Protein backbone atom coordinates (compact mmCIF):
# COMPACT_ATOMS: atom_id res chain seq x y z
CA UNK A 1 -17.30 -105.84 -126.68
CA UNK A 2 -20.14 -107.75 -124.98
CA UNK A 3 -19.18 -110.73 -122.83
CA UNK A 4 -19.30 -114.03 -124.73
CA UNK A 5 -21.08 -115.89 -121.93
CA UNK A 6 -24.53 -114.79 -120.80
CA UNK A 7 -26.39 -116.01 -117.73
CA UNK A 8 -26.88 -119.43 -119.32
CA UNK A 9 -23.94 -120.14 -121.60
CA UNK A 10 -23.18 -118.84 -125.08
CA UNK A 11 -26.23 -118.10 -127.21
CA UNK A 12 -27.18 -116.58 -130.53
CA UNK A 13 -28.85 -117.24 -133.86
CA UNK A 14 -27.36 -120.52 -135.08
CA UNK A 15 -24.90 -120.20 -137.98
CA UNK A 16 -25.01 -116.38 -137.69
CA UNK A 17 -23.93 -115.46 -134.16
CA UNK A 18 -23.32 -118.96 -132.83
CA UNK A 19 -21.16 -120.29 -135.66
CA UNK A 20 -19.52 -123.65 -136.21
CA UNK A 21 -16.13 -122.02 -135.63
CA UNK A 22 -17.25 -120.75 -132.23
CA UNK A 23 -18.70 -124.16 -131.34
CA UNK A 24 -15.39 -125.76 -132.40
CA UNK A 25 -13.44 -123.38 -130.14
CA UNK A 26 -15.81 -124.07 -127.25
CA UNK A 27 -15.22 -127.78 -127.73
CA UNK A 28 -11.45 -127.23 -127.58
CA UNK A 29 -11.93 -125.09 -124.48
CA UNK A 30 -14.02 -127.79 -122.78
CA UNK A 31 -11.29 -130.40 -123.29
CA UNK A 32 -8.56 -127.91 -122.32
CA UNK A 33 -10.08 -126.31 -119.22
CA UNK A 34 -12.37 -129.04 -117.90
CA UNK A 35 -10.67 -132.29 -118.85
CA UNK A 36 -10.51 -134.95 -121.50
CA UNK A 37 -13.93 -136.64 -121.15
CA UNK A 38 -16.95 -134.48 -121.97
CA UNK A 39 -20.60 -135.61 -122.01
CA UNK A 40 -22.45 -133.91 -124.90
CA UNK A 41 -26.22 -133.55 -125.12
CA UNK A 42 -28.60 -131.45 -127.21
CA UNK A 43 -32.22 -130.44 -127.60
CA UNK A 44 -34.30 -130.91 -130.75
CA UNK A 45 -33.32 -127.81 -132.76
CA UNK A 46 -32.41 -128.32 -136.40
CA UNK A 47 -29.07 -126.63 -135.79
CA UNK A 48 -28.21 -129.11 -133.04
CA UNK A 49 -26.58 -131.64 -135.37
CA UNK A 50 -24.46 -128.97 -137.04
CA UNK A 51 -23.24 -127.48 -133.78
CA UNK A 52 -22.73 -130.91 -132.21
CA UNK A 53 -20.44 -131.89 -135.08
CA UNK A 54 -18.39 -128.72 -134.65
CA UNK A 55 -18.28 -128.97 -130.86
CA UNK A 56 -17.20 -132.61 -130.97
CA UNK A 57 -14.55 -131.75 -133.58
CA UNK A 58 -13.16 -129.23 -131.12
CA UNK A 59 -13.16 -131.70 -128.22
CA UNK A 60 -11.45 -134.44 -130.22
CA UNK A 61 -8.95 -132.04 -131.84
CA UNK A 62 -7.77 -131.22 -128.32
CA UNK A 63 -7.36 -134.91 -127.53
CA UNK A 64 -10.64 -135.27 -125.64
CA UNK A 65 -13.32 -137.95 -125.66
CA UNK A 66 -16.89 -136.88 -126.42
CA UNK A 67 -19.63 -139.07 -124.93
CA UNK A 68 -22.68 -138.44 -127.12
CA UNK A 69 -25.94 -138.59 -125.17
CA UNK A 70 -28.06 -137.34 -128.10
CA UNK A 71 -31.36 -135.57 -127.44
CA UNK A 72 -31.68 -135.29 -123.67
CA UNK A 73 -32.80 -132.64 -121.16
CA UNK A 74 -30.11 -130.36 -119.77
CA UNK A 75 -30.43 -131.85 -116.24
CA UNK A 76 -29.84 -135.26 -117.78
CA UNK A 77 -26.40 -134.13 -118.96
CA UNK A 78 -25.59 -132.70 -115.52
CA UNK A 79 -26.48 -136.06 -113.97
CA UNK A 80 -24.55 -138.07 -116.56
CA UNK A 81 -21.38 -136.06 -115.92
CA UNK A 82 -21.40 -137.38 -112.35
CA UNK A 83 -22.62 -140.89 -113.20
CA UNK A 84 -19.97 -141.35 -115.91
CA UNK A 85 -17.27 -139.65 -113.79
CA UNK A 86 -16.61 -137.34 -116.72
CA UNK A 87 -14.51 -134.19 -116.59
CA UNK A 88 -17.39 -132.01 -117.74
CA UNK A 89 -20.49 -131.67 -119.85
CA UNK A 90 -21.75 -129.59 -122.76
CA UNK A 91 -25.38 -128.97 -123.69
CA UNK A 92 -26.36 -127.62 -127.10
CA UNK A 93 -29.58 -125.76 -126.41
CA UNK A 94 -31.10 -122.30 -126.26
CA UNK A 95 -33.60 -123.41 -123.61
CA UNK A 96 -36.84 -121.39 -123.98
CA UNK A 97 -35.61 -119.26 -126.91
CA UNK A 98 -37.09 -119.54 -130.45
CA UNK A 99 -35.97 -122.35 -132.80
CA UNK A 100 -33.52 -120.24 -134.83
CA UNK A 101 -31.44 -119.65 -131.70
CA UNK A 102 -29.11 -122.14 -130.14
CA UNK A 103 -26.58 -122.14 -127.36
CA UNK A 104 -23.80 -124.05 -125.66
CA UNK A 105 -23.58 -124.32 -121.88
CA UNK A 106 -20.81 -126.10 -120.02
CA UNK A 107 -20.78 -128.08 -116.75
CA UNK A 108 -17.85 -128.99 -114.52
CA UNK A 109 -17.12 -132.50 -113.21
CA UNK A 110 -19.86 -132.18 -110.56
CA UNK A 111 -22.51 -131.05 -113.03
CA UNK A 112 -22.38 -127.41 -111.95
CA UNK A 113 -22.28 -124.47 -114.34
CA UNK A 114 -18.92 -122.74 -114.57
CA UNK A 115 -17.99 -119.72 -112.43
CA UNK A 116 -17.43 -116.37 -114.13
CA UNK A 117 -13.64 -116.60 -113.75
CA UNK A 118 -13.44 -119.87 -115.70
CA UNK A 119 -15.77 -118.50 -118.38
CA UNK A 120 -13.52 -115.46 -118.67
CA UNK A 121 -10.48 -117.72 -119.14
CA UNK A 122 -12.35 -119.65 -121.83
CA UNK A 123 -13.34 -116.42 -123.58
CA UNK A 124 -9.69 -115.27 -123.59
CA UNK A 125 -8.69 -118.67 -125.01
CA UNK A 126 -11.27 -118.36 -127.81
CA UNK A 127 -10.35 -114.75 -128.57
CA UNK A 128 -6.71 -115.81 -128.90
CA UNK A 129 -7.61 -118.40 -131.55
CA UNK A 130 -8.16 -121.46 -129.43
CA UNK A 131 -5.69 -124.33 -129.43
CA UNK A 132 -4.30 -123.25 -132.81
CA UNK A 133 -3.68 -119.80 -131.36
CA UNK A 134 -1.85 -121.28 -128.38
CA UNK A 135 0.33 -123.37 -130.68
CA UNK A 136 1.10 -120.38 -132.89
CA UNK A 137 1.97 -118.25 -129.87
CA UNK A 138 4.19 -120.99 -128.43
CA UNK A 139 5.97 -121.35 -131.76
CA UNK A 140 6.56 -117.60 -131.90
CA UNK A 141 8.10 -117.67 -128.42
CA UNK A 142 10.26 -120.64 -129.40
CA UNK A 143 11.36 -118.93 -132.61
CA UNK A 144 12.29 -115.78 -130.69
CA UNK A 145 14.26 -117.87 -128.22
CA UNK A 146 16.02 -119.72 -131.04
CA UNK A 147 17.00 -116.45 -132.69
CA UNK A 148 18.29 -115.07 -129.40
CA UNK A 149 20.29 -118.24 -128.78
CA UNK A 150 21.74 -118.13 -132.29
CA UNK A 151 22.82 -114.52 -131.82
CA UNK A 152 24.41 -115.50 -128.52
CA UNK A 153 26.24 -118.39 -130.17
CA UNK A 154 24.33 -121.12 -128.33
CA UNK A 155 24.26 -124.34 -130.43
CA UNK A 156 20.73 -125.37 -131.52
CA UNK A 157 21.17 -128.92 -130.21
CA UNK A 158 21.87 -127.54 -126.73
CA UNK A 159 18.34 -126.09 -126.44
CA UNK A 160 16.57 -129.46 -126.42
CA UNK A 161 13.63 -128.49 -128.66
CA UNK A 162 12.86 -126.60 -131.82
CA UNK A 163 9.80 -124.60 -132.84
CA UNK A 164 8.65 -127.27 -135.31
CA UNK A 165 8.07 -129.68 -132.40
CA UNK A 166 5.28 -127.48 -131.04
CA UNK A 167 2.17 -128.65 -132.88
CA UNK A 168 -1.50 -129.56 -132.64
CA UNK A 169 -2.35 -133.06 -131.38
CA UNK A 170 -2.25 -135.62 -134.18
CA UNK A 171 -2.17 -139.34 -134.73
CA UNK A 172 -2.76 -141.27 -131.53
CA UNK A 173 -3.09 -138.04 -129.53
CA UNK A 174 -6.43 -137.19 -131.13
CA UNK A 175 -9.66 -137.91 -129.29
CA UNK A 176 -12.73 -139.96 -130.19
CA UNK A 177 -16.53 -139.63 -130.07
CA UNK A 178 -18.49 -142.47 -128.47
CA UNK A 179 -22.28 -142.96 -128.26
CA UNK A 180 -23.80 -142.94 -124.77
CA UNK A 181 -26.84 -145.01 -125.58
CA UNK A 182 -28.31 -145.34 -122.06
CA UNK A 183 -28.17 -141.63 -121.20
CA UNK A 184 -31.92 -141.02 -121.15
CA UNK A 185 -32.55 -144.26 -119.29
CA UNK A 186 -30.10 -143.30 -116.53
CA UNK A 187 -31.83 -139.94 -116.12
CA UNK A 188 -35.36 -141.41 -116.11
CA UNK A 189 -34.38 -144.03 -113.51
CA UNK A 190 -32.85 -141.34 -111.30
CA UNK A 191 -36.09 -139.32 -111.26
CA UNK A 192 -38.34 -142.34 -110.77
CA UNK A 193 -36.29 -143.64 -107.84
CA UNK A 194 -36.41 -140.22 -106.15
CA UNK A 195 -40.19 -140.68 -105.74
CA UNK A 196 -40.22 -144.41 -105.09
CA UNK A 197 -37.66 -143.94 -102.30
CA UNK A 198 -40.24 -141.71 -100.57
CA UNK A 199 -42.73 -144.55 -100.65
CA UNK A 200 -44.96 -142.74 -103.15
CA UNK A 201 -46.42 -143.39 -106.58
CA UNK A 202 -48.59 -141.37 -108.94
CA UNK A 203 -51.20 -144.08 -109.42
CA UNK A 204 -54.67 -142.64 -109.86
CA UNK A 205 -53.35 -139.32 -111.21
CA UNK A 206 -54.11 -138.16 -114.72
CA UNK A 207 -51.39 -135.76 -115.90
CA UNK A 208 -51.63 -133.47 -118.93
CA UNK A 209 -48.14 -132.91 -120.31
CA UNK A 210 -46.77 -130.49 -122.94
CA UNK A 211 -43.13 -131.21 -123.79
CA UNK A 212 -42.87 -128.25 -126.17
CA UNK A 213 -41.44 -130.27 -129.08
CA UNK A 214 -38.27 -130.34 -126.98
CA UNK A 215 -35.71 -132.51 -125.25
CA UNK A 216 -38.20 -133.96 -122.73
CA UNK A 217 -40.40 -135.47 -125.43
CA UNK A 218 -39.38 -138.99 -124.40
CA UNK A 219 -38.05 -138.69 -120.85
CA UNK A 220 -40.94 -136.93 -119.06
CA UNK A 221 -43.80 -139.07 -120.44
CA UNK A 222 -41.81 -142.23 -119.72
CA UNK A 223 -40.85 -141.28 -116.16
CA UNK A 224 -44.37 -140.18 -115.17
CA UNK A 225 -45.86 -143.34 -116.70
CA UNK A 226 -43.43 -145.54 -114.78
CA UNK A 227 -44.53 -143.78 -111.59
CA UNK A 228 -48.06 -144.96 -112.28
CA UNK A 229 -49.67 -141.85 -113.74
CA UNK A 230 -52.07 -141.80 -116.67
CA UNK A 231 -50.20 -139.38 -118.94
CA UNK A 232 -51.86 -137.47 -121.77
CA UNK A 233 -49.09 -135.81 -123.77
CA UNK A 234 -48.95 -133.25 -126.58
CA UNK A 235 -46.11 -131.74 -128.62
CA UNK A 236 -43.89 -134.77 -128.09
CA UNK A 237 -42.99 -134.96 -131.78
CA UNK A 238 -40.55 -132.51 -133.37
CA UNK A 239 -39.14 -131.42 -136.71
CA UNK A 240 -36.32 -129.18 -135.47
CA UNK A 241 -38.16 -125.94 -136.23
CA UNK A 242 -41.09 -126.16 -133.80
CA UNK A 243 -39.38 -126.21 -130.40
CA UNK A 244 -41.07 -123.71 -128.03
CA UNK A 245 -43.31 -122.40 -130.83
CA UNK A 246 -46.66 -121.50 -129.25
CA UNK A 247 -46.30 -124.36 -126.78
CA UNK A 248 -44.44 -125.50 -123.70
CA UNK A 249 -43.76 -123.54 -120.53
CA UNK A 250 -43.76 -120.13 -122.23
CA UNK A 251 -47.08 -120.63 -124.09
CA UNK A 252 -49.58 -122.39 -121.89
CA UNK A 253 -52.68 -122.20 -124.11
CA UNK A 254 -52.24 -125.73 -125.54
CA UNK A 255 -51.85 -127.14 -122.03
CA UNK A 256 -54.96 -125.30 -120.87
CA UNK A 257 -56.95 -126.83 -123.75
CA UNK A 258 -55.55 -130.29 -123.01
CA UNK A 259 -56.46 -129.95 -119.34
CA UNK A 260 -60.07 -129.16 -120.24
CA UNK A 261 -60.34 -131.96 -122.80
CA UNK A 262 -58.64 -134.67 -120.74
CA UNK A 263 -60.02 -133.92 -117.28
CA UNK A 264 -56.48 -134.11 -115.93
CA UNK A 265 -55.69 -133.64 -112.24
CA UNK A 266 -52.65 -131.50 -113.02
CA UNK A 267 -50.87 -130.02 -116.05
CA UNK A 268 -47.12 -129.89 -116.66
CA UNK A 269 -45.29 -127.90 -119.35
CA UNK A 270 -41.56 -127.85 -120.11
CA UNK A 271 -39.35 -125.50 -122.07
CA UNK A 272 -37.08 -126.74 -124.86
CA UNK A 273 -34.35 -128.27 -122.72
CA UNK A 274 -36.63 -129.12 -119.77
CA UNK A 275 -34.55 -127.39 -117.13
CA UNK A 276 -37.73 -125.62 -116.02
CA UNK A 277 -41.41 -126.40 -115.58
CA UNK A 278 -44.74 -124.61 -115.30
CA UNK A 279 -47.70 -126.32 -113.68
CA UNK A 280 -51.46 -125.82 -114.09
CA UNK A 281 -54.33 -126.78 -111.80
CA UNK A 282 -57.67 -128.20 -113.02
CA UNK A 283 -59.19 -124.75 -112.43
CA UNK A 284 -56.71 -123.30 -114.93
CA UNK A 285 -54.52 -121.55 -112.34
CA UNK A 286 -50.91 -121.27 -113.48
CA UNK A 287 -48.53 -122.47 -110.77
CA UNK A 288 -45.29 -120.60 -111.43
CA UNK A 289 -41.88 -121.13 -109.88
CA UNK A 290 -42.64 -119.02 -106.82
CA UNK A 291 -45.66 -121.13 -105.93
CA UNK A 292 -43.86 -124.40 -106.63
CA UNK A 293 -40.94 -123.33 -104.44
CA UNK A 294 -43.30 -122.30 -101.64
CA UNK A 295 -45.12 -125.66 -101.62
CA UNK A 296 -41.88 -127.65 -101.83
CA UNK A 297 -40.08 -125.58 -99.19
CA UNK A 298 -42.87 -125.93 -96.65
CA UNK A 299 -43.04 -129.69 -97.31
CA UNK A 300 -39.26 -129.99 -96.94
CA UNK A 301 -39.30 -128.15 -93.64
CA UNK A 302 -42.12 -130.40 -92.41
CA UNK A 303 -39.94 -133.42 -93.24
CA UNK A 304 -36.84 -131.86 -91.66
CA UNK A 305 -34.84 -131.65 -94.90
CA UNK A 306 -34.93 -127.88 -95.52
CA UNK A 307 -31.28 -126.98 -95.00
CA UNK A 308 -30.82 -123.88 -92.86
CA UNK A 309 -34.58 -123.23 -92.81
CA UNK A 310 -33.94 -121.04 -95.84
CA UNK A 311 -34.82 -120.74 -99.51
CA UNK A 312 -33.06 -118.90 -102.34
CA UNK A 313 -34.88 -116.87 -104.96
CA UNK A 314 -34.22 -113.83 -107.14
CA UNK A 315 -35.23 -110.19 -107.06
CA UNK A 316 -37.98 -111.12 -109.56
CA UNK A 317 -39.77 -113.27 -106.98
CA UNK A 318 -43.30 -112.18 -106.23
CA UNK A 319 -43.53 -110.39 -102.90
CA UNK A 320 -46.31 -112.78 -101.95
CA UNK A 321 -43.72 -115.58 -101.96
CA UNK A 322 -41.35 -113.61 -99.74
CA UNK A 323 -44.15 -112.79 -97.33
CA UNK A 324 -45.39 -116.41 -97.15
CA UNK A 325 -41.91 -117.73 -96.40
CA UNK A 326 -41.19 -115.15 -93.74
CA UNK A 327 -44.58 -115.76 -92.11
CA UNK A 328 -43.64 -119.43 -91.88
CA UNK A 329 -40.27 -118.63 -90.31
CA UNK A 330 -38.28 -119.47 -93.44
CA UNK A 331 -35.50 -117.06 -94.41
CA UNK A 332 -35.46 -115.83 -98.03
CA UNK A 333 -32.13 -115.12 -99.74
CA UNK A 334 -32.59 -113.10 -102.93
CA UNK A 335 -30.07 -112.89 -105.77
CA UNK A 336 -29.68 -111.34 -109.18
CA UNK A 337 -31.80 -112.94 -111.90
CA UNK A 338 -30.26 -116.09 -113.32
CA UNK A 339 -30.10 -119.64 -112.04
CA UNK A 340 -26.30 -119.41 -111.83
CA UNK A 341 -26.63 -116.75 -109.12
CA UNK A 342 -29.29 -118.78 -107.31
CA UNK A 343 -26.95 -121.77 -107.37
CA UNK A 344 -23.98 -119.73 -106.13
CA UNK A 345 -25.98 -118.55 -103.12
CA UNK A 346 -27.19 -122.11 -102.45
CA UNK A 347 -23.69 -123.54 -102.50
CA UNK A 348 -22.25 -120.73 -100.40
CA UNK A 349 -24.94 -121.07 -97.74
CA UNK A 350 -25.43 -124.83 -97.92
CA UNK A 351 -29.11 -124.44 -98.87
CA UNK A 352 -31.14 -127.19 -100.52
CA UNK A 353 -33.77 -125.36 -102.62
CA UNK A 354 -33.68 -122.32 -104.84
CA UNK A 355 -35.56 -121.15 -107.87
CA UNK A 356 -36.97 -118.54 -110.17
CA UNK A 357 -40.49 -117.44 -110.98
CA UNK A 358 -39.93 -118.76 -114.53
CA UNK A 359 -40.10 -122.32 -113.22
CA UNK A 360 -36.37 -122.91 -113.03
CA UNK A 361 -35.91 -124.81 -109.75
CA UNK A 362 -32.74 -126.27 -108.25
CA UNK A 363 -33.11 -129.08 -105.72
CA UNK A 364 -29.56 -129.88 -104.68
CA UNK A 365 -30.63 -133.07 -102.90
CA UNK A 366 -31.51 -134.43 -106.34
CA UNK A 367 -29.51 -132.62 -109.06
CA UNK A 368 -26.92 -129.91 -109.58
CA UNK A 369 -28.90 -127.72 -111.95
CA UNK A 370 -32.47 -126.75 -112.83
CA UNK A 371 -34.51 -129.89 -113.48
CA UNK A 372 -38.07 -129.50 -114.77
CA UNK A 373 -39.09 -133.14 -114.46
CA UNK A 374 -37.58 -133.59 -111.01
CA UNK A 375 -39.23 -130.36 -109.85
CA UNK A 376 -42.65 -131.47 -111.12
CA UNK A 377 -42.28 -134.84 -109.40
CA UNK A 378 -41.18 -133.37 -106.06
CA UNK A 379 -44.03 -130.84 -106.23
CA UNK A 380 -46.52 -133.65 -106.86
CA UNK A 381 -45.04 -135.61 -103.96
CA UNK A 382 -45.52 -132.59 -101.67
CA UNK A 383 -49.12 -132.19 -102.84
CA UNK A 384 -49.85 -135.87 -102.25
CA UNK A 385 -48.44 -135.66 -98.73
CA UNK A 386 -50.62 -132.60 -98.03
CA UNK A 387 -53.73 -134.67 -98.76
CA UNK A 388 -55.20 -131.71 -100.65
CA UNK A 389 -56.02 -131.22 -104.32
CA UNK A 390 -53.56 -129.02 -106.19
CA UNK A 391 -55.81 -125.95 -106.19
CA UNK A 392 -55.92 -126.02 -102.38
CA UNK A 393 -52.27 -127.00 -101.84
CA UNK A 394 -51.00 -123.86 -103.57
CA UNK A 395 -52.94 -121.58 -101.22
CA UNK A 396 -49.86 -121.47 -98.99
CA UNK A 397 -49.01 -118.16 -100.70
CA UNK A 398 -51.04 -115.29 -102.12
CA UNK A 399 -49.54 -113.66 -105.20
CA UNK A 400 -49.30 -109.90 -105.45
CA UNK A 401 -50.53 -108.71 -108.89
CA UNK A 402 -47.55 -108.36 -111.19
CA UNK A 403 -47.10 -107.09 -114.75
CA UNK A 404 -44.02 -108.08 -116.76
CA UNK A 405 -43.32 -106.52 -120.18
CA UNK A 406 -40.42 -107.56 -122.40
CA UNK A 407 -39.25 -104.64 -124.51
CA UNK A 408 -37.11 -105.56 -127.53
CA UNK A 409 -34.28 -103.02 -127.95
CA UNK A 410 -31.14 -102.45 -130.01
CA UNK A 411 -28.78 -102.29 -127.00
CA UNK A 412 -30.15 -103.76 -123.79
CA UNK A 413 -27.21 -102.42 -121.77
CA UNK A 414 -28.00 -98.82 -122.77
CA UNK A 415 -30.89 -98.82 -120.29
CA UNK A 416 -28.35 -98.32 -117.49
CA UNK A 417 -27.81 -94.62 -116.88
CA UNK A 418 -30.55 -93.50 -119.27
CA UNK A 419 -32.03 -90.38 -117.69
CA UNK A 420 -35.47 -90.67 -119.29
CA UNK A 421 -35.87 -94.27 -118.15
CA UNK A 422 -34.63 -93.44 -114.65
CA UNK A 423 -37.18 -90.64 -114.40
CA UNK A 424 -40.02 -92.92 -115.48
CA UNK A 425 -39.03 -95.54 -112.90
CA UNK A 426 -38.76 -92.90 -110.15
CA UNK A 427 -42.22 -91.56 -110.98
CA UNK A 428 -43.74 -95.04 -110.74
CA UNK A 429 -41.99 -95.80 -107.47
CA UNK A 430 -43.21 -92.53 -105.96
CA UNK A 431 -46.78 -93.26 -107.02
CA UNK A 432 -46.70 -96.83 -105.68
CA UNK A 433 -45.01 -95.94 -102.38
CA UNK A 434 -45.28 -98.98 -100.07
CA UNK A 435 -47.96 -100.66 -102.15
CA UNK A 436 -45.71 -102.08 -104.84
CA UNK A 437 -42.29 -102.14 -106.45
CA UNK A 438 -40.56 -101.64 -109.81
CA UNK A 439 -37.78 -103.76 -111.30
CA UNK A 440 -35.99 -103.03 -114.58
CA UNK A 441 -33.28 -105.29 -115.98
CA UNK A 442 -31.75 -106.43 -119.28
CA UNK A 443 -32.29 -110.05 -120.26
CA UNK A 444 -29.28 -112.29 -119.91
CA UNK A 445 -29.99 -114.16 -123.16
CA UNK A 446 -31.97 -111.88 -125.52
CA UNK A 447 -31.88 -108.24 -126.78
CA UNK A 448 -34.67 -107.44 -124.36
CA UNK A 449 -35.23 -105.16 -121.36
CA UNK A 450 -37.65 -106.61 -118.81
CA UNK A 451 -40.00 -104.18 -117.06
CA UNK A 452 -41.70 -105.60 -113.98
CA UNK A 453 -44.15 -103.78 -111.72
CA UNK A 454 -45.97 -105.22 -108.68
CA UNK A 455 -48.88 -103.47 -106.99
CA UNK A 456 -51.79 -104.35 -104.75
CA UNK A 457 -54.03 -103.07 -107.56
CA UNK A 458 -53.43 -105.01 -110.81
CA UNK A 459 -54.61 -102.07 -112.91
CA UNK A 460 -51.97 -99.88 -111.29
CA UNK A 461 -49.26 -102.46 -111.97
CA UNK A 462 -50.25 -102.64 -115.63
CA UNK A 463 -50.50 -98.87 -116.02
CA UNK A 464 -47.06 -98.17 -114.58
CA UNK A 465 -45.43 -101.06 -116.44
CA UNK A 466 -46.84 -99.84 -119.78
CA UNK A 467 -45.68 -96.29 -119.08
CA UNK A 468 -42.11 -97.37 -118.28
CA UNK A 469 -42.00 -99.80 -121.22
CA UNK A 470 -43.00 -96.99 -123.59
CA UNK A 471 -40.14 -94.84 -122.34
CA UNK A 472 -37.66 -97.73 -122.68
CA UNK A 473 -38.84 -98.43 -126.23
CA UNK A 474 -38.49 -94.76 -127.21
CA UNK A 475 -35.10 -94.11 -125.60
CA UNK A 476 -33.04 -97.34 -125.62
């Protein structure tokens, strides 16, 4: 059976794979394994209300208190966990996935995602029937003990308890759900102060912003406006079924059009829960996570705040990023794909910045998880300090041409050990030699195999990627 938790929580089609029963069990698990006060936030998906109700029912049935932050970016929940001194947090979101999907990700008391071992314990708890399963199992043990005592002639009143006393919380032991009305305001203020404390403002900047019909629809426009920017925003309304649909950080065409129409100095696009960001220059150049990390890392080192003179990235990072960092004397630590692995390496090494090409950036001086708005603001601050326009500031690295193809498959794990796929990859690697690389991996959140090829010649990268993708599609 596939593991319940992926690289970013539990995900699936809402009410089909991610059911109310599963959300209820996850709520019980949060209150059982993390503690009794859980901050709950969600993005704008239609299924969010349904899953929130089930999740909160689980939290309160286990005697926990749910602090309801409403629609708020994922990094806002991570911050609120610390600000409210809560035991943990839960975000109902499927991030960049289509509207019919949803997910539930959990944070510990410091706003960090849970380690694999804790997720495994939670999965075992859910598989065993949650709190009800624990009660039933405890009753069975008690009944067995009572029968053994009776056969041994031990009086029942000498045992001190009976099976009927083992029960679910009830009455005054049940939990409550309370609104957390200032959640978004706390998050916005945190981001704004991070720039003001550097003695900077965004006055004179016109910013084109696409919030993707998602959780940042209020927070990002408000924060950037408070920092003095002239903000032109699109897709800041939502109906629950339009999140990420042909907009936001995964579909940049609307932002490109807005940039041209508004004459903006910079463009910013978020995904559904705003834990990532993509940036665009006036010339239409897409500034992905690698380029953002490069600009921010060099600025941090210049200011003496780049811990360990090192950055963390993943194996998907463009080789141009790796080369630029090493040329600047900055060590690059590469991990498996997934922000959880980036974060693990950062915490283990005491590093301050890590990210992914997708625009998921972790700045531990400011937050404990990926934060799209914070990342955009810190990037803008670095650009302002450079004294250069955005198009020039990003020249600190030169990207190697890269082709990425997502192949939808029936079983993404079947790609491992497939002889035909292995042969196709080997053929591409032999042809590319030292002038490129091949990376093949299953998605952590979707039934997709990602085929990535880098080469000095973009036509070569595309040709090899298409060839491998065709083999994957035919054999997996």
